[in-house]
ModelCIF file with pLDDT and N, C-alpha, C, O atoms, coordinates in Angstrom:
data_MODEL
#
_entry.id   MODEL 
#
_entity.id                         1 
_entity.type                       polymer 
_entity.pdbx_number_of_molecules   1 
#
_entity_poly.entity_id                      1 
_entity_poly.type                           'polypeptide(L)' 
_entity_poly.nstd_linkage                   no 
_entity_poly.nstd_monomer                   no 
_entity_poly.pdbx_seq_one_letter_code       TPKELFQFRPTARKYVLPKLIEGLQNWYIKKGNIVVSQSGN 
_entity_poly.pdbx_seq_one_letter_code_can   TPKELFQFRPTARKYVLPKLIEGLQNWYIKKGNIVVSQSGN 
_entity_poly.pdbx_strand_id                 A 
#
loop_
_entity_poly_seq.entity_id 
_entity_poly_seq.num 
_entity_poly_seq.mon_id 
_entity_poly_seq.hetero 
1 1  THR n 
1 2  PRO n 
1 3  LYS n 
1 4  GLU n 
1 5  LEU n 
1 6  PHE n 
1 7  GLN n 
1 8  PHE n 
1 9  ARG n 
1 10 PRO n 
1 11 THR n 
1 12 ALA n 
1 13 ARG n 
1 14 LYS n 
1 15 TYR n 
1 16 VAL n 
1 17 LEU n 
1 18 PRO n 
1 19 LYS n 
1 20 LEU n 
1 21 ILE n 
1 22 GLU n 
1 23 GLY n 
1 24 LEU n 
1 25 GLN n 
1 26 ASN n 
1 27 TRP n 
1 28 TYR n 
1 29 ILE n 
1 30 LYS n 
1 31 LYS n 
1 32 GLY n 
1 33 ASN n 
1 34 ILE n 
1 35 VAL n 
1 36 VAL n 
1 37 SER n 
1 38 GLN n 
1 39 SER n 
1 40 GLY n 
1 41 ASN n 
#
_struct_asym.id          A 
_struct_asym.entity_id   1 
#
loop_
_ma_qa_metric.id 
_ma_qa_metric.mode 
_ma_qa_metric.name 
_ma_qa_metric.software_group_id 
_ma_qa_metric.type 
1 global pLDDT . pLDDT 
2 local  pLDDT . pLDDT 
#
_ma_qa_metric_global.metric_id      1 
_ma_qa_metric_global.metric_value   87.44 
_ma_qa_metric_global.model_id       1 
_ma_qa_metric_global.ordinal_id     1 
#
loop_
_ma_qa_metric_local.label_asym_id 
_ma_qa_metric_local.label_comp_id 
_ma_qa_metric_local.label_seq_id 
_ma_qa_metric_local.metric_id 
_ma_qa_metric_local.metric_value 
_ma_qa_metric_local.model_id 
_ma_qa_metric_local.ordinal_id 
A THR 1  2 90.00 1 1  
A PRO 2  2 88.00 1 2  
A LYS 3  2 89.00 1 3  
A GLU 4  2 91.00 1 4  
A LEU 5  2 92.00 1 5  
A PHE 6  2 91.00 1 6  
A GLN 7  2 91.00 1 7  
A PHE 8  2 91.00 1 8  
A ARG 9  2 90.00 1 9  
A PRO 10 2 90.00 1 10 
A THR 11 2 87.00 1 11 
A ALA 12 2 87.00 1 12 
A ARG 13 2 86.00 1 13 
A LYS 14 2 87.00 1 14 
A TYR 15 2 89.00 1 15 
A VAL 16 2 87.00 1 16 
A LEU 17 2 84.00 1 17 
A PRO 18 2 80.00 1 18 
A LYS 19 2 80.00 1 19 
A LEU 20 2 78.00 1 20 
A ILE 21 2 77.00 1 21 
A GLU 22 2 77.00 1 22 
A GLY 23 2 77.00 1 23 
A LEU 24 2 79.00 1 24 
A GLN 25 2 80.00 1 25 
A ASN 26 2 80.00 1 26 
A TRP 27 2 86.00 1 27 
A TYR 28 2 89.00 1 28 
A ILE 29 2 92.00 1 29 
A LYS 30 2 93.00 1 30 
A LYS 31 2 95.00 1 31 
A GLY 32 2 95.00 1 32 
A ASN 33 2 96.00 1 33 
A ILE 34 2 97.00 1 34 
A VAL 35 2 96.00 1 35 
A VAL 36 2 95.00 1 36 
A SER 37 2 92.00 1 37 
A GLN 38 2 90.00 1 38 
A SER 39 2 86.00 1 39 
A GLY 40 2 80.00 1 40 
A ASN 41 2 85.00 1 41 
#
loop_
_atom_site.group_PDB 
_atom_site.id 
_atom_site.type_symbol 
_atom_site.label_atom_id 
_atom_site.label_alt_id 
_atom_site.label_comp_id 
_atom_site.label_asym_id 
_atom_site.label_entity_id 
_atom_site.label_seq_id 
_atom_site.pdbx_PDB_ins_code 
_atom_site.Cartn_x 
_atom_site.Cartn_y 
_atom_site.Cartn_z 
_atom_site.occupancy 
_atom_site.B_iso_or_equiv 
_atom_site.pdbx_formal_charge 
_atom_site.auth_seq_id 
_atom_site.auth_comp_id 
_atom_site.auth_asym_id 
_atom_site.auth_atom_id 
_atom_site.pdbx_PDB_model_num 
ATOM 1   N N  . THR A 1 1  ? 91.159  145.529 196.092 1.00 90.00 ? 1  THR A N  1 
ATOM 2   C CA . THR A 1 1  ? 92.301  145.028 196.355 1.00 90.00 ? 1  THR A CA 1 
ATOM 3   C C  . THR A 1 1  ? 92.642  143.821 195.241 1.00 90.00 ? 1  THR A C  1 
ATOM 4   O O  . THR A 1 1  ? 91.643  143.215 194.854 1.00 90.00 ? 1  THR A O  1 
ATOM 5   N N  . PRO A 1 2  ? 93.723  143.463 194.768 1.00 88.00 ? 2  PRO A N  1 
ATOM 6   C CA . PRO A 1 2  ? 93.638  142.318 194.141 1.00 88.00 ? 2  PRO A CA 1 
ATOM 7   C C  . PRO A 1 2  ? 93.183  140.724 194.594 1.00 88.00 ? 2  PRO A C  1 
ATOM 8   O O  . PRO A 1 2  ? 92.891  139.747 193.904 1.00 88.00 ? 2  PRO A O  1 
ATOM 9   N N  . LYS A 1 3  ? 93.248  140.888 195.826 1.00 89.00 ? 3  LYS A N  1 
ATOM 10  C CA . LYS A 1 3  ? 92.690  139.890 196.842 1.00 89.00 ? 3  LYS A CA 1 
ATOM 11  C C  . LYS A 1 3  ? 91.342  139.672 196.473 1.00 89.00 ? 3  LYS A C  1 
ATOM 12  O O  . LYS A 1 3  ? 90.907  138.631 195.981 1.00 89.00 ? 3  LYS A O  1 
ATOM 13  N N  . GLU A 1 4  ? 90.657  140.763 196.748 1.00 91.00 ? 4  GLU A N  1 
ATOM 14  C CA . GLU A 1 4  ? 89.264  140.969 196.457 1.00 91.00 ? 4  GLU A CA 1 
ATOM 15  C C  . GLU A 1 4  ? 88.783  140.664 195.109 1.00 91.00 ? 4  GLU A C  1 
ATOM 16  O O  . GLU A 1 4  ? 87.759  139.998 194.954 1.00 91.00 ? 4  GLU A O  1 
ATOM 17  N N  . LEU A 1 5  ? 89.469  141.115 194.124 1.00 92.00 ? 5  LEU A N  1 
ATOM 18  C CA . LEU A 1 5  ? 89.360  140.802 192.837 1.00 92.00 ? 5  LEU A CA 1 
ATOM 19  C C  . LEU A 1 5  ? 89.005  139.289 192.201 1.00 92.00 ? 5  LEU A C  1 
ATOM 20  O O  . LEU A 1 5  ? 88.264  139.009 191.259 1.00 92.00 ? 5  LEU A O  1 
ATOM 21  N N  . PHE A 1 6  ? 89.701  138.536 192.948 1.00 91.00 ? 6  PHE A N  1 
ATOM 22  C CA . PHE A 1 6  ? 89.795  136.832 192.642 1.00 91.00 ? 6  PHE A CA 1 
ATOM 23  C C  . PHE A 1 6  ? 88.488  136.459 193.347 1.00 91.00 ? 6  PHE A C  1 
ATOM 24  O O  . PHE A 1 6  ? 88.063  135.345 193.041 1.00 91.00 ? 6  PHE A O  1 
ATOM 25  N N  . GLN A 1 7  ? 87.809  137.112 194.168 1.00 91.00 ? 7  GLN A N  1 
ATOM 26  C CA . GLN A 1 7  ? 86.744  136.436 195.145 1.00 91.00 ? 7  GLN A CA 1 
ATOM 27  C C  . GLN A 1 7  ? 85.439  136.486 194.167 1.00 91.00 ? 7  GLN A C  1 
ATOM 28  O O  . GLN A 1 7  ? 85.224  137.296 193.265 1.00 91.00 ? 7  GLN A O  1 
ATOM 29  N N  . PHE A 1 8  ? 84.650  135.422 194.584 1.00 91.00 ? 8  PHE A N  1 
ATOM 30  C CA . PHE A 1 8  ? 83.358  135.215 194.053 1.00 91.00 ? 8  PHE A CA 1 
ATOM 31  C C  . PHE A 1 8  ? 82.461  136.258 194.740 1.00 91.00 ? 8  PHE A C  1 
ATOM 32  O O  . PHE A 1 8  ? 82.342  136.282 195.965 1.00 91.00 ? 8  PHE A O  1 
ATOM 33  N N  . ARG A 1 9  ? 81.765  137.214 193.830 1.00 90.00 ? 9  ARG A N  1 
ATOM 34  C CA . ARG A 1 9  ? 81.091  138.272 194.276 1.00 90.00 ? 9  ARG A CA 1 
ATOM 35  C C  . ARG A 1 9  ? 81.919  138.943 195.186 1.00 90.00 ? 9  ARG A C  1 
ATOM 36  O O  . ARG A 1 9  ? 81.714  138.848 196.396 1.00 90.00 ? 9  ARG A O  1 
ATOM 37  N N  . PRO A 1 10 ? 83.044  139.763 194.617 1.00 90.00 ? 10 PRO A N  1 
ATOM 38  C CA . PRO A 1 10 ? 83.703  140.772 195.052 1.00 90.00 ? 10 PRO A CA 1 
ATOM 39  C C  . PRO A 1 10 ? 83.205  141.746 195.773 1.00 90.00 ? 10 PRO A C  1 
ATOM 40  O O  . PRO A 1 10 ? 82.219  142.127 195.142 1.00 90.00 ? 10 PRO A O  1 
ATOM 41  N N  . THR A 1 11 ? 83.332  142.500 196.924 1.00 87.00 ? 11 THR A N  1 
ATOM 42  C CA . THR A 1 11 ? 82.924  143.200 197.805 1.00 87.00 ? 11 THR A CA 1 
ATOM 43  C C  . THR A 1 11 ? 83.761  144.371 198.171 1.00 87.00 ? 11 THR A C  1 
ATOM 44  O O  . THR A 1 11 ? 84.669  144.032 198.930 1.00 87.00 ? 11 THR A O  1 
ATOM 45  N N  . ALA A 1 12 ? 83.757  145.602 197.893 1.00 87.00 ? 12 ALA A N  1 
ATOM 46  C CA . ALA A 1 12 ? 84.334  146.617 198.385 1.00 87.00 ? 12 ALA A CA 1 
ATOM 47  C C  . ALA A 1 12 ? 84.368  147.139 199.610 1.00 87.00 ? 12 ALA A C  1 
ATOM 48  O O  . ALA A 1 12 ? 83.341  147.689 200.008 1.00 87.00 ? 12 ALA A O  1 
ATOM 49  N N  . ARG A 1 13 ? 85.413  147.092 200.387 1.00 86.00 ? 13 ARG A N  1 
ATOM 50  C CA . ARG A 1 13 ? 85.575  147.544 201.731 1.00 86.00 ? 13 ARG A CA 1 
ATOM 51  C C  . ARG A 1 13 ? 85.914  149.156 201.886 1.00 86.00 ? 13 ARG A C  1 
ATOM 52  O O  . ARG A 1 13 ? 85.676  149.966 202.782 1.00 86.00 ? 13 ARG A O  1 
ATOM 53  N N  . LYS A 1 14 ? 86.495  149.239 200.762 1.00 87.00 ? 14 LYS A N  1 
ATOM 54  C CA . LYS A 1 14 ? 86.888  150.860 200.622 1.00 87.00 ? 14 LYS A CA 1 
ATOM 55  C C  . LYS A 1 14 ? 86.267  151.802 199.667 1.00 87.00 ? 14 LYS A C  1 
ATOM 56  O O  . LYS A 1 14 ? 85.518  151.212 198.888 1.00 87.00 ? 14 LYS A O  1 
ATOM 57  N N  . TYR A 1 15 ? 86.335  153.012 199.487 1.00 89.00 ? 15 TYR A N  1 
ATOM 58  C CA . TYR A 1 15 ? 86.063  154.032 198.587 1.00 89.00 ? 15 TYR A CA 1 
ATOM 59  C C  . TYR A 1 15 ? 86.849  154.886 198.482 1.00 89.00 ? 15 TYR A C  1 
ATOM 60  O O  . TYR A 1 15 ? 87.485  155.360 199.423 1.00 89.00 ? 15 TYR A O  1 
ATOM 61  N N  . VAL A 1 16 ? 86.948  155.285 197.103 1.00 87.00 ? 16 VAL A N  1 
ATOM 62  C CA . VAL A 1 16 ? 87.824  156.619 196.537 1.00 87.00 ? 16 VAL A CA 1 
ATOM 63  C C  . VAL A 1 16 ? 86.872  157.538 195.651 1.00 87.00 ? 16 VAL A C  1 
ATOM 64  O O  . VAL A 1 16 ? 85.904  157.153 194.995 1.00 87.00 ? 16 VAL A O  1 
ATOM 65  N N  . LEU A 1 17 ? 87.374  158.875 195.779 1.00 84.00 ? 17 LEU A N  1 
ATOM 66  C CA . LEU A 1 17 ? 86.734  159.891 195.017 1.00 84.00 ? 17 LEU A CA 1 
ATOM 67  C C  . LEU A 1 17 ? 87.972  160.050 193.848 1.00 84.00 ? 17 LEU A C  1 
ATOM 68  O O  . LEU A 1 17 ? 89.170  160.239 194.057 1.00 84.00 ? 17 LEU A O  1 
ATOM 69  N N  . PRO A 1 18 ? 87.220  159.898 192.475 1.00 80.00 ? 18 PRO A N  1 
ATOM 70  C CA . PRO A 1 18 ? 87.824  160.359 191.290 1.00 80.00 ? 18 PRO A CA 1 
ATOM 71  C C  . PRO A 1 18 ? 88.692  161.740 191.272 1.00 80.00 ? 18 PRO A C  1 
ATOM 72  O O  . PRO A 1 18 ? 89.520  161.917 190.379 1.00 80.00 ? 18 PRO A O  1 
ATOM 73  N N  . LYS A 1 19 ? 88.521  162.491 192.061 1.00 80.00 ? 19 LYS A N  1 
ATOM 74  C CA . LYS A 1 19 ? 88.872  163.895 191.914 1.00 80.00 ? 19 LYS A CA 1 
ATOM 75  C C  . LYS A 1 19 ? 90.184  164.175 192.911 1.00 80.00 ? 19 LYS A C  1 
ATOM 76  O O  . LYS A 1 19 ? 90.941  165.141 192.828 1.00 80.00 ? 19 LYS A O  1 
ATOM 77  N N  . LEU A 1 20 ? 90.256  163.075 193.879 1.00 78.00 ? 20 LEU A N  1 
ATOM 78  C CA . LEU A 1 20 ? 91.407  163.015 194.836 1.00 78.00 ? 20 LEU A CA 1 
ATOM 79  C C  . LEU A 1 20 ? 92.407  162.343 194.396 1.00 78.00 ? 20 LEU A C  1 
ATOM 80  O O  . LEU A 1 20 ? 93.449  162.466 195.040 1.00 78.00 ? 20 LEU A O  1 
ATOM 81  N N  . ILE A 1 21 ? 92.415  161.566 193.359 1.00 77.00 ? 21 ILE A N  1 
ATOM 82  C CA . ILE A 1 21 ? 93.409  160.730 193.026 1.00 77.00 ? 21 ILE A CA 1 
ATOM 83  C C  . ILE A 1 21 ? 93.918  160.921 191.291 1.00 77.00 ? 21 ILE A C  1 
ATOM 84  O O  . ILE A 1 21 ? 93.120  160.624 190.403 1.00 77.00 ? 21 ILE A O  1 
ATOM 85  N N  . GLU A 1 22 ? 94.921  161.295 191.054 1.00 77.00 ? 22 GLU A N  1 
ATOM 86  C CA . GLU A 1 22 ? 95.639  161.659 189.931 1.00 77.00 ? 22 GLU A CA 1 
ATOM 87  C C  . GLU A 1 22 ? 95.486  160.553 188.919 1.00 77.00 ? 22 GLU A C  1 
ATOM 88  O O  . GLU A 1 22 ? 95.803  159.449 189.362 1.00 77.00 ? 22 GLU A O  1 
ATOM 89  N N  . GLY A 1 23 ? 95.025  160.585 187.507 1.00 77.00 ? 23 GLY A N  1 
ATOM 90  C CA . GLY A 1 23 ? 94.857  159.479 186.363 1.00 77.00 ? 23 GLY A CA 1 
ATOM 91  C C  . GLY A 1 23 ? 94.018  158.395 187.197 1.00 77.00 ? 23 GLY A C  1 
ATOM 92  O O  . GLY A 1 23 ? 94.388  157.223 187.130 1.00 77.00 ? 23 GLY A O  1 
ATOM 93  N N  . LEU A 1 24 ? 92.990  158.707 187.921 1.00 79.00 ? 24 LEU A N  1 
ATOM 94  C CA . LEU A 1 24 ? 92.302  157.536 188.369 1.00 79.00 ? 24 LEU A CA 1 
ATOM 95  C C  . LEU A 1 24 ? 91.500  156.610 187.142 1.00 79.00 ? 24 LEU A C  1 
ATOM 96  O O  . LEU A 1 24 ? 91.076  155.506 187.484 1.00 79.00 ? 24 LEU A O  1 
ATOM 97  N N  . GLN A 1 25 ? 91.328  156.992 185.941 1.00 80.00 ? 25 GLN A N  1 
ATOM 98  C CA . GLN A 1 25 ? 90.851  156.621 185.019 1.00 80.00 ? 25 GLN A CA 1 
ATOM 99  C C  . GLN A 1 25 ? 91.447  155.353 184.502 1.00 80.00 ? 25 GLN A C  1 
ATOM 100 O O  . GLN A 1 25 ? 90.774  154.502 183.920 1.00 80.00 ? 25 GLN A O  1 
ATOM 101 N N  . ASN A 1 26 ? 92.940  155.233 184.768 1.00 80.00 ? 26 ASN A N  1 
ATOM 102 C CA . ASN A 1 26 ? 93.705  154.122 184.346 1.00 80.00 ? 26 ASN A CA 1 
ATOM 103 C C  . ASN A 1 26 ? 93.531  153.050 185.360 1.00 80.00 ? 26 ASN A C  1 
ATOM 104 O O  . ASN A 1 26 ? 93.969  151.930 185.096 1.00 80.00 ? 26 ASN A O  1 
ATOM 105 N N  . TRP A 1 27 ? 92.872  153.300 186.618 1.00 86.00 ? 27 TRP A N  1 
ATOM 106 C CA . TRP A 1 27 ? 92.566  152.136 187.428 1.00 86.00 ? 27 TRP A CA 1 
ATOM 107 C C  . TRP A 1 27 ? 91.438  151.648 187.252 1.00 86.00 ? 27 TRP A C  1 
ATOM 108 O O  . TRP A 1 27 ? 91.273  150.735 188.060 1.00 86.00 ? 27 TRP A O  1 
ATOM 109 N N  . TYR A 1 28 ? 90.481  151.809 186.534 1.00 89.00 ? 28 TYR A N  1 
ATOM 110 C CA . TYR A 1 28 ? 89.368  151.053 186.049 1.00 89.00 ? 28 TYR A CA 1 
ATOM 111 C C  . TYR A 1 28 ? 89.661  150.135 184.887 1.00 89.00 ? 28 TYR A C  1 
ATOM 112 O O  . TYR A 1 28 ? 90.461  150.389 183.987 1.00 89.00 ? 28 TYR A O  1 
ATOM 113 N N  . ILE A 1 29 ? 88.764  148.790 185.023 1.00 92.00 ? 29 ILE A N  1 
ATOM 114 C CA . ILE A 1 29 ? 89.308  147.702 184.199 1.00 92.00 ? 29 ILE A CA 1 
ATOM 115 C C  . ILE A 1 29 ? 88.023  147.412 183.424 1.00 92.00 ? 29 ILE A C  1 
ATOM 116 O O  . ILE A 1 29 ? 86.920  147.402 183.970 1.00 92.00 ? 29 ILE A O  1 
ATOM 117 N N  . LYS A 1 30 ? 88.234  147.159 182.031 1.00 93.00 ? 30 LYS A N  1 
ATOM 118 C CA . LYS A 1 30 ? 87.107  147.073 181.062 1.00 93.00 ? 30 LYS A CA 1 
ATOM 119 C C  . LYS A 1 30 ? 86.894  145.612 180.793 1.00 93.00 ? 30 LYS A C  1 
ATOM 120 O O  . LYS A 1 30 ? 87.726  144.722 180.972 1.00 93.00 ? 30 LYS A O  1 
ATOM 121 N N  . LYS A 1 31 ? 85.604  145.477 180.314 1.00 95.00 ? 31 LYS A N  1 
ATOM 122 C CA . LYS A 1 31 ? 85.143  143.894 179.830 1.00 95.00 ? 31 LYS A CA 1 
ATOM 123 C C  . LYS A 1 31 ? 86.076  143.630 178.566 1.00 95.00 ? 31 LYS A C  1 
ATOM 124 O O  . LYS A 1 31 ? 86.362  144.258 177.547 1.00 95.00 ? 31 LYS A O  1 
ATOM 125 N N  . GLY A 1 32 ? 86.381  142.521 179.067 1.00 95.00 ? 32 GLY A N  1 
ATOM 126 C CA . GLY A 1 32 ? 87.296  141.838 178.080 1.00 95.00 ? 32 GLY A CA 1 
ATOM 127 C C  . GLY A 1 32 ? 89.028  142.366 178.158 1.00 95.00 ? 32 GLY A C  1 
ATOM 128 O O  . GLY A 1 32 ? 89.775  142.221 177.190 1.00 95.00 ? 32 GLY A O  1 
ATOM 129 N N  . ASN A 1 33 ? 89.456  142.952 179.403 1.00 96.00 ? 33 ASN A N  1 
ATOM 130 C CA . ASN A 1 33 ? 90.587  143.179 179.946 1.00 96.00 ? 33 ASN A CA 1 
ATOM 131 C C  . ASN A 1 33 ? 90.985  141.771 180.512 1.00 96.00 ? 33 ASN A C  1 
ATOM 132 O O  . ASN A 1 33 ? 90.059  141.080 180.938 1.00 96.00 ? 33 ASN A O  1 
ATOM 133 N N  . ILE A 1 34 ? 92.296  141.257 180.563 1.00 97.00 ? 34 ILE A N  1 
ATOM 134 C CA . ILE A 1 34 ? 92.991  140.338 181.600 1.00 97.00 ? 34 ILE A CA 1 
ATOM 135 C C  . ILE A 1 34 ? 93.482  141.047 182.558 1.00 97.00 ? 34 ILE A C  1 
ATOM 136 O O  . ILE A 1 34 ? 93.969  142.159 182.351 1.00 97.00 ? 34 ILE A O  1 
ATOM 137 N N  . VAL A 1 35 ? 93.410  140.428 183.872 1.00 96.00 ? 35 VAL A N  1 
ATOM 138 C CA . VAL A 1 35 ? 94.220  141.182 184.964 1.00 96.00 ? 35 VAL A CA 1 
ATOM 139 C C  . VAL A 1 35 ? 95.264  139.802 185.333 1.00 96.00 ? 35 VAL A C  1 
ATOM 140 O O  . VAL A 1 35 ? 94.971  138.616 185.186 1.00 96.00 ? 35 VAL A O  1 
ATOM 141 N N  . VAL A 1 36 ? 96.371  140.295 185.778 1.00 95.00 ? 36 VAL A N  1 
ATOM 142 C CA . VAL A 1 36 ? 97.305  139.091 186.655 1.00 95.00 ? 36 VAL A CA 1 
ATOM 143 C C  . VAL A 1 36 ? 97.651  139.653 187.651 1.00 95.00 ? 36 VAL A C  1 
ATOM 144 O O  . VAL A 1 36 ? 97.955  140.844 187.577 1.00 95.00 ? 36 VAL A O  1 
ATOM 145 N N  . SER A 1 37 ? 97.706  138.968 188.869 1.00 92.00 ? 37 SER A N  1 
ATOM 146 C CA . SER A 1 37 ? 98.227  139.479 190.313 1.00 92.00 ? 37 SER A CA 1 
ATOM 147 C C  . SER A 1 37 ? 99.795  139.745 190.304 1.00 92.00 ? 37 SER A C  1 
ATOM 148 O O  . SER A 1 37 ? 100.487 138.804 189.916 1.00 92.00 ? 37 SER A O  1 
ATOM 149 N N  . GLN A 1 38 ? 100.317 140.703 190.616 1.00 90.00 ? 38 GLN A N  1 
ATOM 150 C CA . GLN A 1 38 ? 101.680 141.249 190.379 1.00 90.00 ? 38 GLN A CA 1 
ATOM 151 C C  . GLN A 1 38 ? 102.488 140.947 191.820 1.00 90.00 ? 38 GLN A C  1 
ATOM 152 O O  . GLN A 1 38 ? 103.676 140.670 191.653 1.00 90.00 ? 38 GLN A O  1 
ATOM 153 N N  . SER A 1 39 ? 102.004 140.960 193.252 1.00 86.00 ? 39 SER A N  1 
ATOM 154 C CA . SER A 1 39 ? 102.514 140.724 194.226 1.00 86.00 ? 39 SER A CA 1 
ATOM 155 C C  . SER A 1 39 ? 102.062 139.695 195.163 1.00 86.00 ? 39 SER A C  1 
ATOM 156 O O  . SER A 1 39 ? 100.850 139.495 195.244 1.00 86.00 ? 39 SER A O  1 
ATOM 157 N N  . GLY A 1 40 ? 102.764 139.108 195.786 1.00 80.00 ? 40 GLY A N  1 
ATOM 158 C CA . GLY A 1 40 ? 102.617 138.161 197.055 1.00 80.00 ? 40 GLY A CA 1 
ATOM 159 C C  . GLY A 1 40 ? 102.050 136.798 196.266 1.00 80.00 ? 40 GLY A C  1 
ATOM 160 O O  . GLY A 1 40 ? 102.844 135.900 195.983 1.00 80.00 ? 40 GLY A O  1 
ATOM 161 N N  . ASN A 1 41 ? 100.748 136.706 195.957 1.00 85.00 ? 41 ASN A N  1 
ATOM 162 C CA . ASN A 1 41 ? 100.446 135.260 195.218 1.00 85.00 ? 41 ASN A CA 1 
ATOM 163 C C  . ASN A 1 41 ? 100.574 135.600 193.712 1.00 85.00 ? 41 ASN A C  1 
ATOM 164 O O  . ASN A 1 41 ? 100.404 134.723 192.865 1.00 85.00 ? 41 ASN A O  1 
#
């Protein structure tokens, strides 16, 4: 989640299967990308 992303040593509590989510390749982030939180904080 965005909250977990901004934590030191982020740890996933949930898992997904790529074949079950359409367009999941767009959900990965790559080295050099910038991410900005969109909701809440």
